[in-house]
Amino acid sequence: MKRLHLHISVPDLDQAIAFYGTLFDAPPTVVKADYAKWMLEDPRVNLAISARSRATGVDHVGIQVDSADALGDLAGRLKAAGATTFDQEATTCCYAKSDKSWVTDTAGVRWETFFTHGDATAYGEDEVIPTTRACC
């Protein structure tokens, strides 16, 4: 099963936690000094927010999958469509260990497809993900 993922950079984490907690009528499932995450079933979304000195607003969107095979299928479809992907294996990001495939859509929006296979004690590295646009 797939879950929509949104990652939003916020200027004030406490204010954002209060806002999204009210919006979803639920507390975050993960709270760190610079990060919070909701794993919701209705709507089925993984919403992450962070205050890490990046431009505020939507940082990236994505699709979370529940197996390495599903990640391979999804990344394979992007590649078959002619998209250039940036693949990461066994990476640590957002206090989780994941395999990922990144792509930038035709409007310049960064999309992350990922399979999470463990927790991490640190946020991880903010890697520079290539933003090569797909051609029409």
N, C-alpha and C. Protein backbone atom coordinates (compact mmCIF):
# COMPACT_ATOMS: atom_id res chain seq x y z
N MET A 1 0.84 -1.18 0.00
CA MET A 1 0.00 0.00 0.00
C MET A 1 0.89 1.24 0.00
N LYS A 2 0.42 2.27 -0.64
CA LYS A 2 1.19 3.51 -0.73
C LYS A 2 0.57 4.58 0.17
N ARG A 3 1.43 5.54 0.54
CA ARG A 3 0.99 6.65 1.38
C ARG A 3 1.60 7.93 0.80
N LEU A 4 0.79 8.96 0.65
CA LEU A 4 1.29 10.25 0.18
C LEU A 4 2.18 10.85 1.26
N HIS A 5 3.27 11.48 0.83
CA HIS A 5 4.21 12.11 1.76
C HIS A 5 4.35 13.58 1.38
N LEU A 6 4.27 14.45 2.36
CA LEU A 6 4.52 15.88 2.20
C LEU A 6 5.53 16.29 3.26
N HIS A 7 6.54 17.06 2.86
CA HIS A 7 7.51 17.60 3.81
C HIS A 7 7.49 19.11 3.66
N ILE A 8 7.18 19.79 4.76
CA ILE A 8 7.05 21.25 4.77
C ILE A 8 8.09 21.84 5.70
N SER A 9 8.84 22.81 5.20
CA SER A 9 9.79 23.55 6.04
C SER A 9 9.04 24.69 6.71
N VAL A 10 9.18 24.80 8.01
CA VAL A 10 8.43 25.79 8.78
C VAL A 10 9.39 26.70 9.54
N PRO A 11 8.98 27.95 9.79
CA PRO A 11 9.85 28.85 10.54
C PRO A 11 9.80 28.61 12.05
N ASP A 12 8.68 28.10 12.57
CA ASP A 12 8.52 27.88 14.01
C ASP A 12 7.87 26.52 14.22
N LEU A 13 8.64 25.57 14.71
CA LEU A 13 8.16 24.19 14.85
C LEU A 13 6.99 24.08 15.83
N ASP A 14 7.09 24.75 16.98
CA ASP A 14 6.02 24.65 17.98
C ASP A 14 4.69 25.17 17.44
N GLN A 15 4.72 26.30 16.73
CA GLN A 15 3.49 26.84 16.14
C GLN A 15 2.93 25.88 15.09
N ALA A 16 3.81 25.31 14.28
CA ALA A 16 3.37 24.39 13.24
C ALA A 16 2.80 23.10 13.84
N ILE A 17 3.41 22.58 14.91
CA ILE A 17 2.87 21.40 15.57
C ILE A 17 1.46 21.68 16.09
N ALA A 18 1.27 22.84 16.69
CA ALA A 18 -0.05 23.21 17.19
C ALA A 18 -1.06 23.29 16.04
N PHE A 19 -0.66 23.91 14.93
CA PHE A 19 -1.55 24.06 13.79
C PHE A 19 -1.95 22.70 13.20
N TYR A 20 -0.96 21.88 12.86
CA TYR A 20 -1.25 20.59 12.23
C TYR A 20 -1.91 19.61 13.20
N GLY A 21 -1.59 19.71 14.49
CA GLY A 21 -2.27 18.89 15.48
C GLY A 21 -3.75 19.21 15.53
N THR A 22 -4.09 20.49 15.43
CA THR A 22 -5.49 20.90 15.38
C THR A 22 -6.14 20.48 14.07
N LEU A 23 -5.45 20.69 12.95
CA LEU A 23 -5.99 20.34 11.64
C LEU A 23 -6.34 18.85 11.57
N PHE A 24 -5.43 18.00 12.04
CA PHE A 24 -5.63 16.56 11.94
C PHE A 24 -6.29 15.95 13.18
N ASP A 25 -6.52 16.78 14.22
CA ASP A 25 -7.10 16.32 15.47
C ASP A 25 -6.30 15.14 16.04
N ALA A 26 -4.97 15.27 15.93
CA ALA A 26 -4.09 14.21 16.41
C ALA A 26 -2.71 14.80 16.69
N PRO A 27 -2.04 14.29 17.71
CA PRO A 27 -0.66 14.73 17.96
C PRO A 27 0.28 14.07 16.96
N PRO A 28 1.46 14.62 16.77
CA PRO A 28 2.43 13.96 15.89
C PRO A 28 2.87 12.62 16.48
N THR A 29 3.27 11.72 15.59
CA THR A 29 3.75 10.41 16.04
C THR A 29 5.24 10.46 16.37
N VAL A 30 5.95 11.45 15.82
CA VAL A 30 7.37 11.67 16.10
C VAL A 30 7.56 13.16 16.35
N VAL A 31 8.26 13.49 17.43
CA VAL A 31 8.62 14.89 17.71
C VAL A 31 10.08 14.92 18.12
N LYS A 32 10.86 15.74 17.43
CA LYS A 32 12.27 15.98 17.76
C LYS A 32 12.44 17.49 17.89
N ALA A 33 13.60 17.94 18.24
CA ALA A 33 13.85 19.38 18.43
C ALA A 33 13.67 20.18 17.13
N ASP A 34 13.86 19.52 15.98
CA ASP A 34 13.82 20.23 14.70
C ASP A 34 12.85 19.59 13.70
N TYR A 35 11.99 18.66 14.17
CA TYR A 35 11.23 17.83 13.24
C TYR A 35 10.00 17.25 13.93
N ALA A 36 8.92 17.09 13.17
CA ALA A 36 7.74 16.37 13.66
C ALA A 36 7.11 15.65 12.47
N LYS A 37 6.42 14.53 12.79
CA LYS A 37 5.80 13.75 11.72
C LYS A 37 4.48 13.17 12.20
N TRP A 38 3.49 13.18 11.29
CA TRP A 38 2.21 12.53 11.51
C TRP A 38 2.10 11.39 10.50
N MET A 39 1.75 10.19 10.98
CA MET A 39 1.45 9.05 10.11
C MET A 39 -0.05 8.82 10.23
N LEU A 40 -0.80 9.40 9.31
CA LEU A 40 -2.25 9.40 9.40
C LEU A 40 -2.87 8.34 8.48
N GLU A 41 -4.00 7.82 8.91
CA GLU A 41 -4.75 6.87 8.09
C GLU A 41 -5.87 7.56 7.32
N ASP A 42 -6.36 8.70 7.82
CA ASP A 42 -7.44 9.42 7.16
C ASP A 42 -7.20 10.91 7.28
N PRO A 43 -6.64 11.53 6.27
CA PRO A 43 -6.23 10.96 4.99
C PRO A 43 -4.93 10.15 5.15
N ARG A 44 -4.70 9.20 4.26
CA ARG A 44 -3.51 8.33 4.35
C ARG A 44 -2.30 9.14 3.88
N VAL A 45 -1.64 9.76 4.85
CA VAL A 45 -0.53 10.67 4.54
C VAL A 45 0.55 10.57 5.61
N ASN A 46 1.78 10.77 5.18
CA ASN A 46 2.94 10.93 6.05
C ASN A 46 3.31 12.40 5.91
N LEU A 47 2.90 13.21 6.88
CA LEU A 47 3.21 14.64 6.86
C LEU A 47 4.37 14.90 7.79
N ALA A 48 5.45 15.46 7.25
CA ALA A 48 6.62 15.82 8.05
C ALA A 48 6.81 17.33 7.98
N ILE A 49 7.19 17.90 9.11
CA ILE A 49 7.55 19.32 9.14
C ILE A 49 8.91 19.43 9.80
N SER A 50 9.68 20.42 9.36
CA SER A 50 10.98 20.62 9.98
C SER A 50 11.35 22.09 9.99
N ALA A 51 12.14 22.45 10.97
CA ALA A 51 12.69 23.80 11.10
C ALA A 51 14.20 23.65 11.03
N ARG A 52 14.73 23.61 9.82
CA ARG A 52 16.15 23.33 9.61
C ARG A 52 16.82 24.38 8.74
N SER A 53 16.39 25.63 8.84
CA SER A 53 17.01 26.75 8.13
C SER A 53 16.94 26.60 6.62
N ARG A 54 15.88 26.00 6.11
CA ARG A 54 15.66 25.93 4.68
C ARG A 54 14.53 26.89 4.34
N ALA A 55 14.35 27.18 3.07
CA ALA A 55 13.26 28.05 2.66
C ALA A 55 11.93 27.47 3.15
N THR A 56 11.06 28.32 3.68
CA THR A 56 9.79 27.83 4.20
C THR A 56 8.84 27.48 3.05
N GLY A 57 7.95 26.57 3.33
CA GLY A 57 6.97 26.10 2.35
C GLY A 57 7.19 24.63 2.05
N VAL A 58 6.53 24.16 1.00
CA VAL A 58 6.65 22.74 0.64
C VAL A 58 8.08 22.49 0.19
N ASP A 59 8.76 21.60 0.88
CA ASP A 59 10.14 21.23 0.54
C ASP A 59 10.14 20.18 -0.56
N HIS A 60 9.30 19.15 -0.38
CA HIS A 60 9.15 18.12 -1.40
C HIS A 60 7.90 17.31 -1.11
N VAL A 61 7.46 16.56 -2.09
CA VAL A 61 6.34 15.65 -1.93
C VAL A 61 6.83 14.26 -2.29
N GLY A 62 6.05 13.25 -1.96
CA GLY A 62 6.52 11.92 -2.27
C GLY A 62 5.48 10.85 -2.11
N ILE A 63 5.94 9.63 -2.33
CA ILE A 63 5.12 8.45 -2.13
C ILE A 63 5.94 7.47 -1.31
N GLN A 64 5.39 7.08 -0.16
CA GLN A 64 6.02 6.09 0.70
C GLN A 64 5.44 4.73 0.36
N VAL A 65 6.30 3.75 0.17
CA VAL A 65 5.85 2.38 -0.13
C VAL A 65 6.22 1.46 1.02
N ASP A 66 5.64 0.26 1.02
CA ASP A 66 5.86 -0.63 2.15
C ASP A 66 6.79 -1.79 1.88
N SER A 67 7.53 -1.73 0.75
CA SER A 67 8.51 -2.80 0.47
C SER A 67 9.56 -2.30 -0.51
N ALA A 68 10.71 -2.96 -0.49
CA ALA A 68 11.78 -2.63 -1.43
C ALA A 68 11.33 -2.92 -2.87
N ASP A 69 10.55 -3.99 -3.06
CA ASP A 69 10.04 -4.32 -4.40
C ASP A 69 9.13 -3.23 -4.94
N ALA A 70 8.26 -2.69 -4.08
CA ALA A 70 7.35 -1.62 -4.51
C ALA A 70 8.15 -0.37 -4.88
N LEU A 71 9.23 -0.09 -4.13
CA LEU A 71 10.09 1.05 -4.48
C LEU A 71 10.73 0.82 -5.85
N GLY A 72 11.23 -0.40 -6.09
CA GLY A 72 11.83 -0.72 -7.37
C GLY A 72 10.85 -0.57 -8.52
N ASP A 73 9.60 -1.00 -8.31
CA ASP A 73 8.58 -0.87 -9.35
C ASP A 73 8.30 0.59 -9.66
N LEU A 74 8.13 1.40 -8.61
CA LEU A 74 7.81 2.81 -8.79
C LEU A 74 8.96 3.56 -9.45
N ALA A 75 10.18 3.33 -8.97
CA ALA A 75 11.36 3.97 -9.57
C ALA A 75 11.54 3.51 -11.01
N GLY A 76 11.25 2.23 -11.26
CA GLY A 76 11.35 1.70 -12.62
C GLY A 76 10.38 2.37 -13.58
N ARG A 77 9.17 2.66 -13.11
CA ARG A 77 8.19 3.35 -13.96
C ARG A 77 8.67 4.75 -14.31
N LEU A 78 9.27 5.45 -13.34
CA LEU A 78 9.79 6.79 -13.61
C LEU A 78 10.90 6.74 -14.65
N LYS A 79 11.79 5.78 -14.49
CA LYS A 79 12.91 5.63 -15.43
C LYS A 79 12.40 5.24 -16.82
N ALA A 80 11.40 4.36 -16.88
CA ALA A 80 10.84 3.94 -18.17
C ALA A 80 10.17 5.10 -18.89
N ALA A 81 9.67 6.06 -18.12
CA ALA A 81 9.03 7.24 -18.71
C ALA A 81 10.06 8.27 -19.17
N GLY A 82 11.34 7.97 -18.95
CA GLY A 82 12.40 8.86 -19.39
C GLY A 82 12.86 9.85 -18.35
N ALA A 83 12.37 9.70 -17.12
CA ALA A 83 12.77 10.62 -16.06
C ALA A 83 14.16 10.25 -15.55
N THR A 84 14.91 11.26 -15.15
CA THR A 84 16.21 11.04 -14.54
C THR A 84 15.99 10.96 -13.03
N THR A 85 16.39 9.85 -12.43
CA THR A 85 16.21 9.70 -10.99
C THR A 85 17.56 9.74 -10.30
N PHE A 86 17.51 10.05 -9.02
CA PHE A 86 18.68 10.03 -8.15
C PHE A 86 18.37 9.03 -7.05
N ASP A 87 19.07 7.91 -7.05
CA ASP A 87 18.77 6.83 -6.13
C ASP A 87 19.70 6.86 -4.92
N GLN A 88 19.15 6.55 -3.75
CA GLN A 88 19.91 6.48 -2.51
C GLN A 88 19.55 5.17 -1.82
N GLU A 89 20.56 4.44 -1.39
CA GLU A 89 20.32 3.21 -0.64
C GLU A 89 20.87 3.37 0.78
N ALA A 90 20.15 2.82 1.73
CA ALA A 90 20.56 2.83 3.13
C ALA A 90 20.94 4.22 3.60
N THR A 91 20.11 5.20 3.30
CA THR A 91 20.37 6.57 3.72
C THR A 91 19.66 6.86 5.04
N THR A 92 20.19 7.81 5.79
CA THR A 92 19.54 8.27 7.01
C THR A 92 19.04 9.68 6.79
N CYS A 93 17.74 9.85 6.97
CA CYS A 93 17.12 11.16 6.81
C CYS A 93 15.83 11.17 7.62
N CYS A 94 15.55 12.30 8.23
CA CYS A 94 14.30 12.47 8.96
C CYS A 94 14.12 11.44 10.07
N TYR A 95 15.21 11.13 10.74
CA TYR A 95 15.22 10.19 11.85
C TYR A 95 14.77 8.79 11.43
N ALA A 96 15.04 8.44 10.17
CA ALA A 96 14.68 7.12 9.65
C ALA A 96 15.76 6.62 8.71
N LYS A 97 15.82 5.30 8.55
CA LYS A 97 16.71 4.66 7.58
C LYS A 97 15.85 4.23 6.39
N SER A 98 16.24 4.66 5.20
CA SER A 98 15.40 4.42 4.02
C SER A 98 16.22 4.21 2.77
N ASP A 99 15.59 3.58 1.79
CA ASP A 99 16.06 3.56 0.41
C ASP A 99 15.15 4.51 -0.34
N LYS A 100 15.72 5.28 -1.28
CA LYS A 100 14.96 6.34 -1.94
C LYS A 100 15.28 6.43 -3.41
N SER A 101 14.35 6.98 -4.14
CA SER A 101 14.56 7.37 -5.52
C SER A 101 13.91 8.74 -5.68
N TRP A 102 14.71 9.73 -6.08
CA TRP A 102 14.24 11.10 -6.24
C TRP A 102 14.08 11.42 -7.71
N VAL A 103 13.12 12.29 -8.02
CA VAL A 103 12.92 12.78 -9.37
C VAL A 103 12.35 14.20 -9.27
N THR A 104 12.62 15.01 -10.26
CA THR A 104 12.03 16.35 -10.33
C THR A 104 11.04 16.36 -11.47
N ASP A 105 9.81 16.81 -11.18
CA ASP A 105 8.79 16.80 -12.23
C ASP A 105 8.99 17.96 -13.21
N THR A 106 8.12 18.05 -14.19
CA THR A 106 8.27 19.05 -15.25
C THR A 106 8.06 20.48 -14.76
N ALA A 107 7.47 20.65 -13.57
CA ALA A 107 7.29 21.98 -13.00
C ALA A 107 8.38 22.33 -11.99
N GLY A 108 9.33 21.41 -11.78
CA GLY A 108 10.42 21.67 -10.85
C GLY A 108 10.15 21.20 -9.43
N VAL A 109 9.06 20.47 -9.20
CA VAL A 109 8.74 19.95 -7.87
C VAL A 109 9.54 18.68 -7.62
N ARG A 110 10.22 18.63 -6.47
CA ARG A 110 10.99 17.43 -6.10
C ARG A 110 10.05 16.37 -5.52
N TRP A 111 10.15 15.15 -6.07
CA TRP A 111 9.37 14.01 -5.60
C TRP A 111 10.32 12.96 -5.04
N GLU A 112 9.96 12.43 -3.88
CA GLU A 112 10.74 11.39 -3.22
C GLU A 112 9.87 10.13 -3.17
N THR A 113 10.37 9.04 -3.71
CA THR A 113 9.72 7.75 -3.50
C THR A 113 10.64 6.98 -2.57
N PHE A 114 10.06 6.34 -1.52
CA PHE A 114 10.95 5.76 -0.53
C PHE A 114 10.31 4.59 0.22
N PHE A 115 11.20 3.73 0.71
CA PHE A 115 10.86 2.60 1.58
C PHE A 115 11.67 2.76 2.85
N THR A 116 10.98 2.92 3.97
CA THR A 116 11.64 3.08 5.27
C THR A 116 11.76 1.71 5.94
N HIS A 117 12.99 1.38 6.38
CA HIS A 117 13.22 0.08 6.99
C HIS A 117 13.82 0.16 8.38
N GLY A 118 13.72 1.32 9.02
CA GLY A 118 14.21 1.43 10.39
C GLY A 118 14.22 2.86 10.90
N ASP A 119 14.35 3.01 12.19
CA ASP A 119 14.46 4.32 12.83
C ASP A 119 15.92 4.71 12.96
N ALA A 120 16.17 6.00 13.12
CA ALA A 120 17.52 6.51 13.35
C ALA A 120 17.47 7.51 14.50
N THR A 121 18.57 7.66 15.20
CA THR A 121 18.62 8.58 16.34
C THR A 121 18.98 10.00 15.92
N ALA A 122 19.45 10.19 14.68
CA ALA A 122 19.82 11.52 14.19
C ALA A 122 18.98 11.85 12.96
N TYR A 123 18.81 13.16 12.71
CA TYR A 123 18.05 13.58 11.53
C TYR A 123 18.68 13.01 10.26
N GLY A 124 20.00 13.06 10.17
CA GLY A 124 20.70 12.58 8.99
C GLY A 124 21.22 13.74 8.16
N GLU A 125 21.70 13.41 7.00
CA GLU A 125 22.30 14.40 6.12
C GLU A 125 21.26 15.04 5.21
N ASP A 126 21.33 16.36 5.07
CA ASP A 126 20.55 17.05 4.05
C ASP A 126 21.37 17.01 2.78
N GLU A 127 21.06 16.07 1.91
CA GLU A 127 21.83 15.92 0.68
C GLU A 127 21.28 16.84 -0.39
N VAL A 128 22.15 17.28 -1.27
CA VAL A 128 21.73 18.07 -2.40
C VAL A 128 21.23 17.10 -3.45
N ILE A 129 19.95 17.17 -3.73
CA ILE A 129 19.33 16.28 -4.70
C ILE A 129 19.30 17.01 -6.04
N PRO A 130 19.83 16.40 -7.09
CA PRO A 130 19.81 17.07 -8.40
C PRO A 130 18.37 17.44 -8.78
N THR A 131 18.22 18.60 -9.40
CA THR A 131 16.89 19.07 -9.78
C THR A 131 16.74 19.18 -11.29
N THR A 132 17.34 18.25 -12.01
CA THR A 132 17.22 18.23 -13.45
C THR A 132 15.76 18.02 -13.81
N ARG A 133 15.23 18.90 -14.61
CA ARG A 133 13.84 18.77 -15.00
C ARG A 133 13.68 17.74 -16.09
N ALA A 134 12.57 17.02 -15.99
CA ALA A 134 12.23 16.09 -17.07
C ALA A 134 11.75 16.91 -18.25
N CYS A 135 11.99 16.41 -19.41
CA CYS A 135 11.57 17.11 -20.62
C CYS A 135 10.24 16.57 -21.09
N CYS A 136 9.45 17.39 -21.72
CA CYS A 136 8.11 16.97 -22.16
C CYS A 136 8.14 16.20 -23.46
